[in-house]
C-alpha cells in the first residue's frame, strides 16, 4: 500500500470513529434562543438546560454559536423586536419560546423570508413556516381530572390555578381541564385564578380566593403553583385537598413530607424544561438538511406515588424534574414523526 493510500485509509477510519455530533455542514451556523419569560423555576431550568447542552455542542464544533436571549417583560411586541434584531445579527436559526401563538407570526415570517429556520417549543407559534415542538397540553390537563376521578369517584368542587394569561400553554391546559370536567361531570370548577406558574404568585392568588369558595376536594394546576396552593390552604382551617403538582422540587419535597406523615397521595405532571435542548437539536438537524415534519409531539413528564422518591432524589434543589435531550434523541423524535 502506498503512503498516500495509507493516509487515505487512516482518514477514513478516523472519520468513521467521529461522534455523530460532528457535522461539518452546521459547524459555521449560529442558533439563537428567543425566550419571552424567565420568572419561574421552570424557565430557569429551561435556560440552564439550554446552556449546558448547547455549550458542549459549540465546544464540539457542531455549531458556531447558540446564544440565549430573554425579554425583560412577557410582551409579544418586545419579543418581535428581539427576533428582528436576530435577523439583523445573521443567525441561521431561531429557537423560540413565544409570548403568543399568533402575535409573533409577522416577525417569524420575516425571519423565514430571510432564510432563517424558526423552531418554536412550549409556547409555540401558528405561522406555517415555523416548526413546533409541544406536548399535548390539552391531554395533560384532562389527565389531571381523570386522576382525580379515580381517587375521588364521588367528585366534588375543584379550584383551577391557571398559568400566564394570554399564553398558548395556559389556554391549552385549561381547555384540557375543562374537557376533563365534561368527561367526569361529578366535578365542578368553583374558582379560577392565575398563578403565573410561580409559587409566590399562586400562593397569594389562592389565599385571596379561598374565603369566597365552598369546600374543595381538589386543585388542578399547570405547574409551579402546587406548593404555593398548599401553603395558602395550610394557613386556613380547611382540609387539605388533592393538589396536582407540577414537578418542581419544592412541590415534590412537600408531597414527600405529607406522604410520610399522613399518607398523602397525588400526582405531578409537566413538560420537561429540557425540551429547549430538543428544539436546539431539531433546529441543528434542519440546518443540516434533514426533512422534519412541522409539528412534533413529545410526552409530558409524569410523577406518581410509587416513583416520587426517585424523581425527588434526581431533582436539583430549587429546580424542576427534567429530561435533557441528545442529538440522537432528536433524530428519533424526527424519524418517529414521519
C-alpha atoms as a PDB file:
ATOM      1  CA  UNK A   1       0.000   0.000   0.000  1.00  0.00           C
ATOM      2  CA  UNK A   2       1.373   3.418  -0.940  1.00  0.00           C
ATOM      3  CA  UNK A   3       1.822   6.137   1.692  1.00  0.00           C
ATOM      4  CA  UNK A   4      -0.964   8.160   0.027  1.00  0.00           C
ATOM      5  CA  UNK A   5      -3.369   5.184   0.237  1.00  0.00           C
ATOM      6  CA  UNK A   6      -2.352   4.551   3.846  1.00  0.00           C
ATOM      7  CA  UNK A   7      -3.125   8.168   4.751  1.00  0.00           C
ATOM      8  CA  UNK A   8      -6.466   7.973   2.964  1.00  0.00           C
ATOM      9  CA  UNK A   9      -7.349   4.759   4.812  1.00  0.00           C
ATOM     10  CA  UNK A  10      -6.357   6.292   8.145  1.00  0.00           C
ATOM     11  CA  UNK A  11      -8.509   9.332   7.435  1.00  0.00           C
ATOM     12  CA  UNK A  12     -11.464   7.122   6.564  1.00  0.00           C
ATOM     13  CA  UNK A  13     -11.078   5.201   9.846  1.00  0.00           C
ATOM     14  CA  UNK A  14     -10.829   8.480  11.791  1.00  0.00           C
ATOM     15  CA  UNK A  15     -13.970   9.842  10.139  1.00  0.00           C
ATOM     16  CA  UNK A  16     -15.852   6.647  10.901  1.00  0.00           C
ATOM     17  CA  UNK A  17     -14.830   6.955  14.549  1.00  0.00           C
ATOM     18  CA  UNK A  18     -16.018  10.545  14.882  1.00  0.00           C
ATOM     19  CA  UNK A  19     -19.126  11.109  17.021  1.00  0.00           C
ATOM     20  CA  UNK A  20     -22.397  11.692  15.162  1.00  0.00           C
ATOM     21  CA  UNK A  21     -22.484  15.239  16.522  1.00  0.00           C
ATOM     22  CA  UNK A  22     -19.553  16.466  14.404  1.00  0.00           C
ATOM     23  CA  UNK A  23     -21.415  17.716  11.328  1.00  0.00           C
ATOM     24  CA  UNK A  24     -19.250  19.943   9.166  1.00  0.00           C
ATOM     25  CA  UNK A  25     -22.407  21.213   7.449  1.00  0.00           C
ATOM     26  CA  UNK A  26     -23.540  23.123  10.555  1.00  0.00           C
ATOM     27  CA  UNK A  27     -20.183  23.978  12.128  1.00  0.00           C
ATOM     28  CA  UNK A  28     -20.415  27.586  10.894  1.00  0.00           C
ATOM     29  CA  UNK A  29     -24.111  28.003  11.742  1.00  0.00           C
ATOM     30  CA  UNK A  30     -25.378  30.263  14.522  1.00  0.00           C
ATOM     31  CA  UNK A  31     -28.523  29.469  16.523  1.00  0.00           C
ATOM     32  CA  UNK A  32     -30.286  31.880  18.893  1.00  0.00           C
ATOM     33  CA  UNK A  33     -32.811  31.201  21.653  1.00  0.00           C
ATOM     34  CA  UNK A  34     -35.618  33.762  21.926  1.00  0.00           C
ATOM     35  CA  UNK A  35     -37.316  33.366  25.310  1.00  0.00           C
ATOM     36  CA  UNK A  36     -40.184  35.559  26.484  1.00  0.00           C
ATOM     37  CA  UNK A  37     -40.112  34.989  30.239  1.00  0.00           C
ATOM     38  CA  UNK A  38     -37.763  33.774  32.968  1.00  0.00           C
ATOM     39  CA  UNK A  39     -39.735  34.477  36.138  1.00  0.00           C
ATOM     40  CA  UNK A  40     -40.214  30.962  37.490  1.00  0.00           C
ATOM     41  CA  UNK A  41     -38.205  27.834  38.262  1.00  0.00           C
ATOM     42  CA  UNK A  42     -39.311  26.040  35.083  1.00  0.00           C
ATOM     43  CA  UNK A  43     -37.971  28.802  32.853  1.00  0.00           C
ATOM     44  CA  UNK A  44     -34.747  28.981  34.857  1.00  0.00           C
ATOM     45  CA  UNK A  45     -34.285  25.214  34.479  1.00  0.00           C
ATOM     46  CA  UNK A  46     -35.057  25.510  30.775  1.00  0.00           C
ATOM     47  CA  UNK A  47     -32.342  28.143  30.335  1.00  0.00           C
ATOM     48  CA  UNK A  48     -29.878  26.095  32.395  1.00  0.00           C
ATOM     49  CA  UNK A  49     -30.500  23.020  30.240  1.00  0.00           C
ATOM     50  CA  UNK A  50     -30.052  25.091  27.085  1.00  0.00           C
ATOM     51  CA  UNK A  51     -26.740  26.459  28.309  1.00  0.00           C
ATOM     52  CA  UNK A  52     -25.438  23.065  29.409  1.00  0.00           C
ATOM     53  CA  UNK A  53     -26.238  21.197  26.200  1.00  0.00           C
ATOM     54  CA  UNK A  54     -25.518  23.917  23.664  1.00  0.00           C
ATOM     55  CA  UNK A  55     -22.178  24.902  25.208  1.00  0.00           C
ATOM     56  CA  UNK A  56     -20.991  21.343  24.649  1.00  0.00           C
ATOM     57  CA  UNK A  57     -22.275  21.443  21.068  1.00  0.00           C
ATOM     58  CA  UNK A  58     -20.377  24.676  20.414  1.00  0.00           C
ATOM     59  CA  UNK A  59     -17.249  23.258  22.032  1.00  0.00           C
ATOM     60  CA  UNK A  60     -17.528  20.162  19.828  1.00  0.00           C
ATOM     61  CA  UNK A  61     -17.843  22.311  16.703  1.00  0.00           C
ATOM     62  CA  UNK A  62     -21.365  21.185  15.861  1.00  0.00           C
ATOM     63  CA  UNK A  63     -22.470  24.827  15.610  1.00  0.00           C
ATOM     64  CA  UNK A  64     -20.597  28.118  15.874  1.00  0.00           C
ATOM     65  CA  UNK A  65     -22.925  29.714  18.449  1.00  0.00           C
ATOM     66  CA  UNK A  66     -26.075  29.034  20.463  1.00  0.00           C
ATOM     67  CA  UNK A  67     -26.859  32.323  22.186  1.00  0.00           C
ATOM     68  CA  UNK A  68     -29.827  32.699  24.584  1.00  0.00           C
ATOM     69  CA  UNK A  69     -31.864  35.916  24.850  1.00  0.00           C
ATOM     70  CA  UNK A  70     -34.762  36.619  27.232  1.00  0.00           C
ATOM     71  CA  UNK A  71     -37.042  39.659  27.044  1.00  0.00           C
ATOM     72  CA  UNK A  72     -37.487  41.800  30.154  1.00  0.00           C
ATOM     73  CA  UNK A  73     -41.275  41.523  30.041  1.00  0.00           C
ATOM     74  CA  UNK A  74     -43.670  38.910  28.707  1.00  0.00           C
ATOM     75  CA  UNK A  75     -44.689  41.160  25.818  1.00  0.00           C
ATOM     76  CA  UNK A  76     -45.110  39.984  22.247  1.00  0.00           C
ATOM     77  CA  UNK A  77     -44.073  43.386  20.867  1.00  0.00           C
ATOM     78  CA  UNK A  78     -40.766  43.215  22.745  1.00  0.00           C
ATOM     79  CA  UNK A  79     -40.105  39.661  21.597  1.00  0.00           C
ATOM     80  CA  UNK A  80     -40.962  40.574  17.996  1.00  0.00           C
ATOM     81  CA  UNK A  81     -38.313  43.308  18.166  1.00  0.00           C
ATOM     82  CA  UNK A  82     -35.884  40.780  19.625  1.00  0.00           C
ATOM     83  CA  UNK A  83     -36.494  38.421  16.677  1.00  0.00           C
ATOM     84  CA  UNK A  84     -35.983  41.284  14.207  1.00  0.00           C
ATOM     85  CA  UNK A  85     -32.633  42.022  15.870  1.00  0.00           C
ATOM     86  CA  UNK A  86     -31.671  38.363  15.492  1.00  0.00           C
ATOM     87  CA  UNK A  87     -32.423  38.616  11.769  1.00  0.00           C
ATOM     88  CA  UNK A  88     -30.082  41.606  11.507  1.00  0.00           C
ATOM     89  CA  UNK A  89     -27.399  39.777  13.510  1.00  0.00           C
ATOM     90  CA  UNK A  90     -27.303  36.993  10.928  1.00  0.00           C
ATOM     91  CA  UNK A  91     -28.458  33.977  12.913  1.00  0.00           C
ATOM     92  CA  UNK A  92     -29.161  30.892  10.826  1.00  0.00           C
ATOM     93  CA  UNK A  93     -31.859  29.538  13.157  1.00  0.00           C
ATOM     94  CA  UNK A  94     -34.034  30.889  15.950  1.00  0.00           C
ATOM     95  CA  UNK A  95     -35.384  28.590  18.651  1.00  0.00           C
ATOM     96  CA  UNK A  96     -38.440  30.310  20.066  1.00  0.00           C
ATOM     97  CA  UNK A  97     -40.480  30.093  23.278  1.00  0.00           C
ATOM     98  CA  UNK A  98     -43.203  32.512  22.282  1.00  0.00           C
ATOM     99  CA  UNK A  99     -45.222  35.041  24.263  1.00  0.00           C
ATOM    100  CA  UNK A 100     -48.173  34.448  21.927  1.00  0.00           C
ATOM    101  CA  UNK A 101     -49.129  31.814  19.355  1.00  0.00           C
ATOM    102  CA  UNK A 102     -50.226  34.481  16.857  1.00  0.00           C
ATOM    103  CA  UNK A 103     -48.815  37.913  17.756  1.00  0.00           C
ATOM    104  CA  UNK A 104     -45.272  36.930  16.728  1.00  0.00           C
ATOM    105  CA  UNK A 105     -46.264  35.463  13.377  1.00  0.00           C
ATOM    106  CA  UNK A 106     -45.255  38.605  11.477  1.00  0.00           C
ATOM    107  CA  UNK A 107     -41.740  38.619  12.931  1.00  0.00           C
ATOM    108  CA  UNK A 108     -41.445  34.851  12.428  1.00  0.00           C
ATOM    109  CA  UNK A 109     -42.450  35.236   8.765  1.00  0.00           C
ATOM    110  CA  UNK A 110     -39.796  37.954   8.362  1.00  0.00           C
ATOM    111  CA  UNK A 111     -37.206  35.526   9.729  1.00  0.00           C
ATOM    112  CA  UNK A 112     -38.337  32.742   7.400  1.00  0.00           C
ATOM    113  CA  UNK A 113     -38.285  35.105   4.421  1.00  0.00           C
ATOM    114  CA  UNK A 114     -34.684  35.954   5.349  1.00  0.00           C
ATOM    115  CA  UNK A 115     -33.818  32.243   5.106  1.00  0.00           C
ATOM    116  CA  UNK A 116     -33.774  31.643   8.875  1.00  0.00           C
ATOM    117  CA  UNK A 117     -35.063  28.393  10.366  1.00  0.00           C
ATOM    118  CA  UNK A 118     -37.544  29.013  13.208  1.00  0.00           C
ATOM    119  CA  UNK A 119     -38.347  26.227  15.694  1.00  0.00           C
ATOM    120  CA  UNK A 120     -40.900  27.066  18.389  1.00  0.00           C
ATOM    121  CA  UNK A 121     -41.364  24.976  21.522  1.00  0.00           C
ATOM    122  CA  UNK A 122     -43.509  25.080  24.663  1.00  0.00           C
ATOM    123  CA  UNK A 123     -45.028  28.439  23.700  1.00  0.00           C
ATOM    124  CA  UNK A 124     -45.447  27.672  20.005  1.00  0.00           C
ATOM    125  CA  UNK A 125     -46.440  29.879  17.051  1.00  0.00           C
ATOM    126  CA  UNK A 126     -49.000  29.234  14.333  1.00  0.00           C
ATOM    127  CA  UNK A 127     -47.041  30.773  11.418  1.00  0.00           C
ATOM    128  CA  UNK A 128     -46.858  27.918   8.844  1.00  0.00           C
ATOM    129  CA  UNK A 129     -43.184  28.470   8.012  1.00  0.00           C
ATOM    130  CA  UNK A 130     -42.129  27.658  11.598  1.00  0.00           C
ATOM    131  CA  UNK A 131     -41.682  24.281  13.256  1.00  0.00           C
ATOM    132  CA  UNK A 132     -43.483  23.433  16.511  1.00  0.00           C
ATOM    133  CA  UNK A 133     -42.474  21.150  19.388  1.00  0.00           C
ATOM    134  CA  UNK A 134     -45.018  20.648  22.163  1.00  0.00           C
ATOM    135  CA  UNK A 135     -46.613  18.146  24.437  1.00  0.00           C
ATOM    136  CA  UNK A 136     -50.333  17.528  24.156  1.00  0.00           C
ATOM    137  CA  UNK A 137     -51.176  20.182  26.732  1.00  0.00           C
ATOM    138  CA  UNK A 138     -54.909  19.534  26.488  1.00  0.00           C
ATOM    139  CA  UNK A 139     -54.364  15.882  27.339  1.00  0.00           C
ATOM    140  CA  UNK A 140     -52.129  16.907  30.208  1.00  0.00           C
ATOM    141  CA  UNK A 141     -54.963  18.981  31.690  1.00  0.00           C
ATOM    142  CA  UNK A 142     -57.585  16.329  31.041  1.00  0.00           C
ATOM    143  CA  UNK A 143     -55.421  13.654  32.675  1.00  0.00           C
ATOM    144  CA  UNK A 144     -55.432  15.621  35.934  1.00  0.00           C
ATOM    145  CA  UNK A 145     -59.210  15.349  36.211  1.00  0.00           C
ATOM    146  CA  UNK A 146     -59.106  11.692  35.187  1.00  0.00           C
ATOM    147  CA  UNK A 147     -56.657  11.040  38.032  1.00  0.00           C
ATOM    148  CA  UNK A 148     -58.962  12.811  40.491  1.00  0.00           C
ATOM    149  CA  UNK A 149     -61.921  10.749  39.253  1.00  0.00           C
ATOM    150  CA  UNK A 150     -60.105   7.586  40.334  1.00  0.00           C
ATOM    151  CA  UNK A 151     -59.149   8.967  43.737  1.00  0.00           C
ATOM    152  CA  UNK A 152     -62.447  10.774  44.341  1.00  0.00           C
ATOM    153  CA  UNK A 153     -65.165   8.848  42.482  1.00  0.00           C
ATOM    154  CA  UNK A 154     -67.900  10.858  44.204  1.00  0.00           C
ATOM    155  CA  UNK A 155     -66.443  14.054  42.747  1.00  0.00           C
ATOM    156  CA  UNK A 156     -66.689  17.487  44.308  1.00  0.00           C
ATOM    157  CA  UNK A 157     -65.581  21.086  43.878  1.00  0.00           C
ATOM    158  CA  UNK A 158     -62.275  21.991  42.221  1.00  0.00           C
ATOM    159  CA  UNK A 159     -60.100  25.097  42.258  1.00  0.00           C
ATOM    160  CA  UNK A 160     -58.252  25.758  38.998  1.00  0.00           C
ATOM    161  CA  UNK A 161     -54.895  27.545  39.050  1.00  0.00           C
ATOM    162  CA  UNK A 162     -54.023  28.787  35.595  1.00  0.00           C
ATOM    163  CA  UNK A 163     -50.648  29.870  34.229  1.00  0.00           C
ATOM    164  CA  UNK A 164     -49.534  33.038  32.464  1.00  0.00           C
ATOM    165  CA  UNK A 165     -52.519  34.818  30.916  1.00  0.00           C
ATOM    166  CA  UNK A 166     -52.575  35.038  27.126  1.00  0.00           C
ATOM    167  CA  UNK A 167     -50.000  32.305  26.551  1.00  0.00           C
ATOM    168  CA  UNK A 168     -50.816  29.285  24.372  1.00  0.00           C
ATOM    169  CA  UNK A 169     -49.801  26.776  27.056  1.00  0.00           C
ATOM    170  CA  UNK A 170     -52.144  28.308  29.629  1.00  0.00           C
ATOM    171  CA  UNK A 171     -55.087  28.233  27.248  1.00  0.00           C
ATOM    172  CA  UNK A 172     -54.449  24.639  26.158  1.00  0.00           C
ATOM    173  CA  UNK A 173     -54.011  23.144  29.651  1.00  0.00           C
ATOM    174  CA  UNK A 174     -57.077  24.997  30.904  1.00  0.00           C
ATOM    175  CA  UNK A 175     -59.114  23.748  27.935  1.00  0.00           C
ATOM    176  CA  UNK A 176     -57.996  20.194  28.744  1.00  0.00           C
ATOM    177  CA  UNK A 177     -59.016  20.582  32.396  1.00  0.00           C
ATOM    178  CA  UNK A 178     -62.465  21.782  31.351  1.00  0.00           C
ATOM    179  CA  UNK A 179     -62.731  18.877  28.888  1.00  0.00           C
ATOM    180  CA  UNK A 180     -61.928  16.593  31.823  1.00  0.00           C
ATOM    181  CA  UNK A 181     -64.741  18.081  33.889  1.00  0.00           C
ATOM    182  CA  UNK A 182     -67.141  17.476  30.989  1.00  0.00           C
ATOM    183  CA  UNK A 183     -65.958  13.863  30.857  1.00  0.00           C
ATOM    184  CA  UNK A 184     -66.255  13.483  34.632  1.00  0.00           C
ATOM    185  CA  UNK A 185     -69.249  15.695  35.487  1.00  0.00           C
ATOM    186  CA  UNK A 186     -69.148  14.737  39.173  1.00  0.00           C
ATOM    187  CA  UNK A 187     -66.575  17.548  39.416  1.00  0.00           C
ATOM    188  CA  UNK A 188     -67.287  21.273  39.291  1.00  0.00           C
ATOM    189  CA  UNK A 189     -64.782  24.107  38.962  1.00  0.00           C
ATOM    190  CA  UNK A 190     -65.882  26.679  41.557  1.00  0.00           C
ATOM    191  CA  UNK A 191     -62.969  29.100  41.261  1.00  0.00           C
ATOM    192  CA  UNK A 192     -60.109  30.011  38.940  1.00  0.00           C
ATOM    193  CA  UNK A 193     -57.025  32.174  39.478  1.00  0.00           C
ATOM    194  CA  UNK A 194     -53.828  32.880  37.561  1.00  0.00           C
ATOM    195  CA  UNK A 195     -50.670  31.754  39.348  1.00  0.00           C
ATOM    196  CA  UNK A 196     -48.251  32.629  36.516  1.00  0.00           C
ATOM    197  CA  UNK A 197     -46.557  29.214  37.032  1.00  0.00           C
ATOM    198  CA  UNK A 198     -44.849  30.720  40.089  1.00  0.00           C
ATOM    199  CA  UNK A 199     -45.265  29.571  43.697  1.00  0.00           C
ATOM    200  CA  UNK A 200     -45.376  33.029  45.280  1.00  0.00           C
ATOM    201  CA  UNK A 201     -47.931  34.360  42.810  1.00  0.00           C
ATOM    202  CA  UNK A 202     -50.057  31.228  43.197  1.00  0.00           C
ATOM    203  CA  UNK A 203     -49.962  31.411  46.988  1.00  0.00           C
ATOM    204  CA  UNK A 204     -51.246  34.994  47.003  1.00  0.00           C
ATOM    205  CA  UNK A 205     -53.910  34.262  44.400  1.00  0.00           C
ATOM    206  CA  UNK A 206     -55.201  31.175  46.226  1.00  0.00           C
ATOM    207  CA  UNK A 207     -55.183  32.957  49.585  1.00  0.00           C
ATOM    208  CA  UNK A 208     -57.232  35.718  48.004  1.00  0.00           C
ATOM    209  CA  UNK A 209     -59.945  33.486  46.559  1.00  0.00           C
ATOM    210  CA  UNK A 210     -60.270  30.870  49.328  1.00  0.00           C
ATOM    211  CA  UNK A 211     -62.628  32.879  51.570  1.00  0.00           C
ATOM    212  CA  UNK A 212     -65.197  33.009  48.751  1.00  0.00           C
ATOM    213  CA  UNK A 213     -65.068  29.291  47.932  1.00  0.00           C
ATOM    214  CA  UNK A 214     -67.087  26.358  49.266  1.00  0.00           C
ATOM    215  CA  UNK A 215     -65.250  23.204  50.343  1.00  0.00           C
ATOM    216  CA  UNK A 216     -62.912  21.951  47.625  1.00  0.00           C
ATOM    217  CA  UNK A 217     -61.710  18.386  47.127  1.00  0.00           C
ATOM    218  CA  UNK A 218     -59.038  19.064  44.519  1.00  0.00           C
ATOM    219  CA  UNK A 219     -56.796  21.703  42.979  1.00  0.00           C
ATOM    220  CA  UNK A 220     -55.964  21.378  39.281  1.00  0.00           C
ATOM    221  CA  UNK A 221     -52.821  23.209  38.232  1.00  0.00           C
ATOM    222  CA  UNK A 222     -50.376  23.872  35.403  1.00  0.00           C
ATOM    223  CA  UNK A 223     -47.012  23.582  37.152  1.00  0.00           C
ATOM    224  CA  UNK A 224     -45.096  25.783  39.537  1.00  0.00           C
ATOM    225  CA  UNK A 225     -48.154  26.511  41.656  1.00  0.00           C
ATOM    226  CA  UNK A 226     -48.861  23.400  43.767  1.00  0.00           C
ATOM    227  CA  UNK A 227     -46.620  24.283  46.704  1.00  0.00           C
ATOM    228  CA  UNK A 228     -47.949  27.843  46.793  1.00  0.00           C
ATOM    229  CA  UNK A 229     -51.502  26.491  46.862  1.00  0.00           C
ATOM    230  CA  UNK A 230     -50.596  24.096  49.681  1.00  0.00           C
ATOM    231  CA  UNK A 231     -49.105  26.929  51.737  1.00  0.00           C
ATOM    232  CA  UNK A 232     -52.198  29.084  51.273  1.00  0.00           C
ATOM    233  CA  UNK A 233     -54.562  26.257  52.240  1.00  0.00           C
ATOM    234  CA  UNK A 234     -52.423  25.190  55.208  1.00  0.00           C
ATOM    235  CA  UNK A 235     -52.846  28.688  56.649  1.00  0.00           C
ATOM    236  CA  UNK A 236     -56.619  28.077  56.944  1.00  0.00           C
ATOM    237  CA  UNK A 237     -58.709  25.532  58.828  1.00  0.00           C
ATOM    238  CA  UNK A 238     -59.658  23.780  55.579  1.00  0.00           C
ATOM    239  CA  UNK A 239     -58.924  20.110  54.961  1.00  0.00           C
ATOM    240  CA  UNK A 240     -56.026  19.726  52.538  1.00  0.00           C
ATOM    241  CA  UNK A 241     -57.444  18.740  49.114  1.00  0.00           C
ATOM    242  CA  UNK A 242     -55.635  16.684  46.494  1.00  0.00           C
ATOM    243  CA  UNK A 243     -53.355  19.190  44.789  1.00  0.00           C
ATOM    244  CA  UNK A 244     -51.978  18.208  41.389  1.00  0.00           C
ATOM    245  CA  UNK A 245     -48.280  19.107  41.366  1.00  0.00           C
ATOM    246  CA  UNK A 246     -46.044  20.350  38.536  1.00  0.00           C
ATOM    247  CA  UNK A 247     -42.684  18.591  39.003  1.00  0.00           C
ATOM    248  CA  UNK A 248     -40.982  21.435  40.925  1.00  0.00           C
ATOM    249  CA  UNK A 249     -38.592  20.368  43.644  1.00  0.00           C
ATOM    250  CA  UNK A 250     -40.415  22.266  46.393  1.00  0.00           C
ATOM    251  CA  UNK A 251     -43.692  20.608  45.362  1.00  0.00           C
ATOM    252  CA  UNK A 252     -42.143  17.139  45.356  1.00  0.00           C
ATOM    253  CA  UNK A 253     -40.451  17.771  48.704  1.00  0.00           C
ATOM    254  CA  UNK A 254     -43.723  18.927  50.313  1.00  0.00           C
ATOM    255  CA  UNK A 255     -45.545  15.929  48.814  1.00  0.00           C
ATOM    256  CA  UNK A 256     -42.911  13.558  50.234  1.00  0.00           C
ATOM    257  CA  UNK A 257     -43.250  15.122  53.695  1.00  0.00           C
ATOM    258  CA  UNK A 258     -47.048  14.795  53.598  1.00  0.00           C
ATOM    259  CA  UNK A 259     -46.838  11.279  52.232  1.00  0.00           C
ATOM    260  CA  UNK A 260     -44.539  10.186  55.060  1.00  0.00           C
ATOM    261  CA  UNK A 261     -46.566  11.927  57.752  1.00  0.00           C
ATOM    262  CA  UNK A 262     -50.139  11.300  56.611  1.00  0.00           C
ATOM    263  CA  UNK A 263     -50.092   9.016  53.577  1.00  0.00           C
ATOM    264  CA  UNK A 264     -50.976  11.965  51.327  1.00  0.00           C
ATOM    265  CA  UNK A 265     -51.489  10.937  47.688  1.00  0.00           C
ATOM    266  CA  UNK A 266     -51.382  12.942  44.484  1.00  0.00           C
ATOM    267  CA  UNK A 267     -49.612  13.032  41.124  1.00  0.00           C
ATOM    268  CA  UNK A 268     -47.357  15.523  39.352  1.00  0.00           C
ATOM    269  CA  UNK A 269     -47.141  16.408  35.670  1.00  0.00           C
ATOM    270  CA  UNK A 270     -45.408  18.957  33.444  1.00  0.00           C
ATOM    271  CA  UNK A 271     -43.393  19.352  30.275  1.00  0.00           C
ATOM    272  CA  UNK A 272     -39.674  18.798  30.944  1.00  0.00           C
ATOM    273  CA  UNK A 273     -37.699  22.082  30.840  1.00  0.00           C
ATOM    274  CA  UNK A 274     -35.088  20.268  28.758  1.00  0.00           C
ATOM    275  CA  UNK A 275     -37.458  20.431  25.782  1.00  0.00           C
ATOM    276  CA  UNK A 276     -35.396  23.515  24.875  1.00  0.00           C
ATOM    277  CA  UNK A 277     -32.487  21.167  24.129  1.00  0.00           C
ATOM    278  CA  UNK A 278     -34.673  19.055  21.870  1.00  0.00           C
ATOM    279  CA  UNK A 279     -35.656  22.217  19.988  1.00  0.00           C
ATOM    280  CA  UNK A 280     -31.962  23.104  19.624  1.00  0.00           C
ATOM    281  CA  UNK A 281     -31.110  19.724  18.123  1.00  0.00           C
ATOM    282  CA  UNK A 282     -34.149  19.812  15.822  1.00  0.00           C
ATOM    283  CA  UNK A 283     -33.001  23.213  14.533  1.00  0.00           C
ATOM    284  CA  UNK A 284     -29.497  21.822  14.029  1.00  0.00           C
ATOM    285  CA  UNK A 285     -30.866  18.849  12.090  1.00  0.00           C
ATOM    286  CA  UNK A 286     -32.947  21.130   9.847  1.00  0.00           C
ATOM    287  CA  UNK A 287     -29.857  23.258   9.162  1.00  0.00           C
ATOM    288  CA  UNK A 288     -28.048  20.021   8.320  1.00  0.00           C
ATOM    289  CA  UNK A 289     -30.583  19.348   5.583  1.00  0.00           C
ATOM    290  CA  UNK A 290     -32.851  16.833   7.307  1.00  0.00           C
ATOM    291  CA  UNK A 291     -36.530  16.700   6.353  1.00  0.00           C
ATOM    292  CA  UNK A 292     -38.534  17.376   9.516  1.00  0.00           C
ATOM    293  CA  UNK A 293     -42.309  17.482   9.984  1.00  0.00           C
ATOM    294  CA  UNK A 294     -43.602  20.882  11.027  1.00  0.00           C
ATOM    295  CA  UNK A 295     -45.294  19.536  14.162  1.00  0.00           C
ATOM    296  CA  UNK A 296     -43.516  17.284  16.652  1.00  0.00           C
ATOM    297  CA  UNK A 297     -45.097  15.990  19.865  1.00  0.00           C
ATOM    298  CA  UNK A 298     -43.142  14.859  22.934  1.00  0.00           C
ATOM    299  CA  UNK A 299     -44.603  13.146  26.015  1.00  0.00           C
ATOM    300  CA  UNK A 300     -45.178  15.086  29.217  1.00  0.00           C
ATOM    301  CA  UNK A 301     -43.248  14.049  32.308  1.00  0.00           C
ATOM    302  CA  UNK A 302     -45.493  12.486  34.966  1.00  0.00           C
ATOM    303  CA  UNK A 303     -44.543  11.518  38.521  1.00  0.00           C
ATOM    304  CA  UNK A 304     -46.710   9.156  40.567  1.00  0.00           C
ATOM    305  CA  UNK A 305     -46.882   7.953  44.159  1.00  0.00           C
ATOM    306  CA  UNK A 306     -44.608   4.967  43.542  1.00  0.00           C
ATOM    307  CA  UNK A 307     -41.762   6.881  41.848  1.00  0.00           C
ATOM    308  CA  UNK A 308     -41.893  10.109  43.864  1.00  0.00           C
ATOM    309  CA  UNK A 309     -38.751   9.409  45.896  1.00  0.00           C
ATOM    310  CA  UNK A 310     -36.655   8.523  42.844  1.00  0.00           C
ATOM    311  CA  UNK A 311     -37.656  11.665  40.990  1.00  0.00           C
ATOM    312  CA  UNK A 312     -37.169  13.873  44.039  1.00  0.00           C
ATOM    313  CA  UNK A 313     -33.665  12.475  44.570  1.00  0.00           C
ATOM    314  CA  UNK A 314     -32.813  13.301  40.960  1.00  0.00           C
ATOM    315  CA  UNK A 315     -34.201  16.858  41.071  1.00  0.00           C
ATOM    316  CA  UNK A 316     -31.896  19.725  41.971  1.00  0.00           C
ATOM    317  CA  UNK A 317     -32.867  21.864  44.986  1.00  0.00           C
ATOM    318  CA  UNK A 318     -34.971  24.738  43.721  1.00  0.00           C
ATOM    319  CA  UNK A 319     -35.214  23.082  40.317  1.00  0.00           C
ATOM    320  CA  UNK A 320     -37.627  21.003  38.270  1.00  0.00           C
ATOM    321  CA  UNK A 321     -37.722  17.300  37.393  1.00  0.00           C
ATOM    322  CA  UNK A 322     -36.134  17.261  33.986  1.00  0.00           C
ATOM    323  CA  UNK A 323     -35.055  15.403  30.876  1.00  0.00           C
ATOM    324  CA  UNK A 324     -32.332  16.775  28.598  1.00  0.00           C
ATOM    325  CA  UNK A 325     -32.112  15.608  25.000  1.00  0.00           C
ATOM    326  CA  UNK A 326     -29.207  14.496  22.850  1.00  0.00           C
ATOM    327  CA  UNK A 327     -28.833  14.741  19.108  1.00  0.00           C
ATOM    328  CA  UNK A 328     -29.677  11.032  18.899  1.00  0.00           C
ATOM    329  CA  UNK A 329     -32.895  11.656  20.840  1.00  0.00           C
ATOM    330  CA  UNK A 330     -33.854  14.400  18.394  1.00  0.00           C
ATOM    331  CA  UNK A 331     -33.216  12.131  15.429  1.00  0.00           C
ATOM    332  CA  UNK A 332     -35.502   9.505  16.985  1.00  0.00           C
ATOM    333  CA  UNK A 333     -38.262  12.055  17.543  1.00  0.00           C
ATOM    334  CA  UNK A 334     -37.905  13.281  13.947  1.00  0.00           C
ATOM    335  CA  UNK A 335     -37.950   9.788  12.483  1.00  0.00           C
ATOM    336  CA  UNK A 336     -40.889   8.619  14.597  1.00  0.00           C
ATOM    337  CA  UNK A 337     -42.960  11.530  13.274  1.00  0.00           C
ATOM    338  CA  UNK A 338     -42.521  10.511   9.629  1.00  0.00           C
END
